[in-house]
Amino acid sequence: MPVWACDGGSGEWEFQSSAFDNATPEDSSESPDDMSIVLGDTLSALNRMPDDLPVDTAWAGEDWGVAVMVARHLRHEEKQEMRRTPCDDEPAHGDVRGKKNGNRRKRLKQHAQWVVRPAVPPA
């Protein structure tokens, strides 16, 4: 989770609901309803820890943190599909597929919790 998708006014990083929007497809083969994630069970099977993600991920860094959401909640309560989409940069990559309107993004924001807060403090 990048800090630019968070608010830091309270002295702590807090998620913005826009952080839980679908990614912009890079090409026509990608769904406009996907939100990129790292799958915890795959991360564990690869003997990796969430704490390592900001350092190990090529495009992340100290201005990134790691949030967790429970897959069961995403599937059953939010009617989202979990997909395993490993890639060269992240073998534990996945996507959460489904429409994410404003109300759903607000619920996702409330459901998410920090596992690793960004190293950069809020300004």
Protein backbone atom coordinates (compact mmCIF):
# COMPACT_ATOMS: atom_id res chain seq x y z
CA MET A 1 0.00 0.00 0.00
CA PRO A 2 1.67 3.25 -1.08
CA VAL A 3 1.56 6.31 1.16
CA TRP A 4 -0.03 8.34 -1.65
CA ALA A 5 -3.12 6.13 -1.17
CA CYS A 6 -3.25 7.07 2.52
CA ASP A 7 -3.98 10.06 4.73
CA GLY A 8 -1.47 11.03 7.39
CA GLY A 9 -3.25 13.91 9.11
CA SER A 10 -3.71 12.11 12.41
CA GLY A 11 0.01 11.31 12.68
CA GLU A 12 -0.61 7.73 11.51
CA TRP A 13 -1.08 6.41 8.00
CA GLU A 14 -4.77 5.74 7.35
CA PHE A 15 -6.12 4.16 4.17
CA GLN A 16 -8.10 6.21 1.68
CA SER A 17 -11.04 4.36 0.17
CA SER A 18 -9.58 5.12 -3.28
CA ALA A 19 -6.70 2.76 -2.41
CA PHE A 20 -9.13 -0.11 -2.93
CA ASP A 21 -10.12 0.80 -6.47
CA ASN A 22 -9.41 -1.38 -9.48
CA ALA A 23 -6.12 -0.94 -11.29
CA THR A 24 -6.00 0.65 -14.71
CA PRO A 25 -5.43 -2.14 -17.26
CA GLU A 26 -2.09 -1.96 -19.04
CA ASP A 27 -3.44 -3.74 -22.11
CA SER A 28 -6.72 -5.06 -23.54
CA SER A 29 -6.13 -8.57 -22.13
CA GLU A 30 -6.45 -7.32 -18.53
CA SER A 31 -9.77 -6.90 -16.73
CA PRO A 32 -10.77 -3.38 -15.63
CA ASP A 33 -12.23 -4.97 -12.47
CA ASP A 34 -8.94 -6.23 -10.95
CA MET A 35 -7.21 -4.94 -7.81
CA SER A 36 -3.64 -6.19 -7.42
CA ILE A 37 -2.74 -8.11 -4.24
CA VAL A 38 -0.09 -10.41 -2.79
CA LEU A 39 -1.53 -13.73 -1.62
CA GLY A 40 -0.55 -14.58 1.94
CA ASP A 41 -0.76 -18.35 1.55
CA THR A 42 1.55 -18.25 -1.48
CA LEU A 43 3.92 -15.87 0.31
CA SER A 44 4.09 -18.33 3.21
CA ALA A 45 4.63 -21.31 0.87
CA LEU A 46 7.58 -19.41 -0.61
CA ASN A 47 9.00 -18.90 2.93
CA ARG A 48 8.60 -15.15 2.65
CA MET A 49 7.23 -12.71 5.22
CA PRO A 50 5.02 -9.64 4.72
CA ASP A 51 7.76 -7.58 6.42
CA ASP A 52 9.99 -8.31 3.42
CA LEU A 53 7.59 -7.05 0.76
CA PRO A 54 8.47 -3.33 0.76
CA VAL A 55 12.16 -4.25 0.42
CA ASP A 56 11.82 -7.26 -1.92
CA THR A 57 9.31 -5.70 -4.31
CA ALA A 58 11.07 -3.97 -7.21
CA TRP A 59 8.61 -1.07 -7.46
CA ALA A 60 8.06 -0.53 -3.72
CA GLY A 61 10.25 1.01 -1.05
CA GLU A 62 10.10 2.86 2.25
CA ASP A 63 6.99 4.74 1.15
CA TRP A 64 5.06 1.46 0.91
CA GLY A 65 3.45 -0.63 3.62
CA VAL A 66 1.58 -3.93 3.69
CA ALA A 67 -2.13 -4.19 4.48
CA VAL A 68 -4.12 -7.38 5.05
CA MET A 69 -7.69 -8.30 4.20
CA VAL A 70 -9.31 -11.67 4.81
CA ALA A 71 -10.05 -13.56 1.59
CA ARG A 72 -13.25 -15.04 3.03
CA HIS A 73 -14.60 -11.53 3.61
CA LEU A 74 -13.71 -10.48 0.07
CA ARG A 75 -15.35 -13.55 -1.45
CA HIS A 76 -18.47 -13.91 0.69
CA GLU A 77 -19.29 -10.44 1.98
CA GLU A 78 -18.04 -8.35 -0.93
CA LYS A 79 -18.72 -10.86 -3.75
CA GLN A 80 -15.20 -10.51 -5.16
CA GLU A 81 -13.29 -13.26 -6.95
CA MET A 82 -9.77 -14.10 -5.80
CA ARG A 83 -7.41 -14.99 -8.65
CA ARG A 84 -3.84 -16.31 -8.61
CA THR A 85 -1.88 -14.34 -11.20
CA PRO A 86 1.82 -14.91 -10.46
CA CYS A 87 4.29 -12.84 -12.45
CA ASP A 88 8.07 -12.64 -12.76
CA ASP A 89 8.31 -9.69 -10.35
CA GLU A 90 5.99 -11.26 -7.75
CA PRO A 91 5.29 -15.01 -7.70
CA ALA A 92 2.69 -14.46 -4.93
CA HIS A 93 0.77 -11.93 -7.05
CA GLY A 94 -2.99 -12.18 -7.27
CA ASP A 95 -5.99 -10.09 -8.23
CA VAL A 96 -9.28 -9.32 -6.54
CA ARG A 97 -11.79 -9.21 -9.40
CA GLY A 98 -15.13 -7.48 -9.14
CA LYS A 99 -16.80 -4.08 -9.26
CA LYS A 100 -15.67 -1.71 -6.53
CA ASN A 101 -18.06 1.20 -6.24
CA GLY A 102 -17.62 3.91 -3.60
CA ASN A 103 -19.57 2.06 -0.91
CA ARG A 104 -17.61 -1.16 -1.44
CA ARG A 105 -14.27 0.72 -1.34
CA LYS A 106 -15.32 2.31 1.97
CA ARG A 107 -16.09 -1.14 3.40
CA LEU A 108 -12.76 -2.50 2.14
CA LYS A 109 -11.00 0.45 3.79
CA GLN A 110 -12.69 -0.38 7.10
CA HIS A 111 -11.83 -4.08 6.76
CA ALA A 112 -8.13 -3.60 5.92
CA GLN A 113 -5.46 -3.58 8.62
CA TRP A 114 -1.78 -2.71 8.54
CA VAL A 115 0.66 -5.60 8.80
CA VAL A 116 3.67 -3.44 7.96
CA ARG A 117 3.32 0.34 8.17
CA PRO A 118 5.32 2.46 5.70
CA ALA A 119 8.77 3.44 7.01
CA VAL A 120 8.21 7.04 5.93
CA PRO A 121 6.37 8.97 8.66
CA PRO A 122 3.32 11.09 7.79
CA ALA A 123 4.21 14.73 7.12
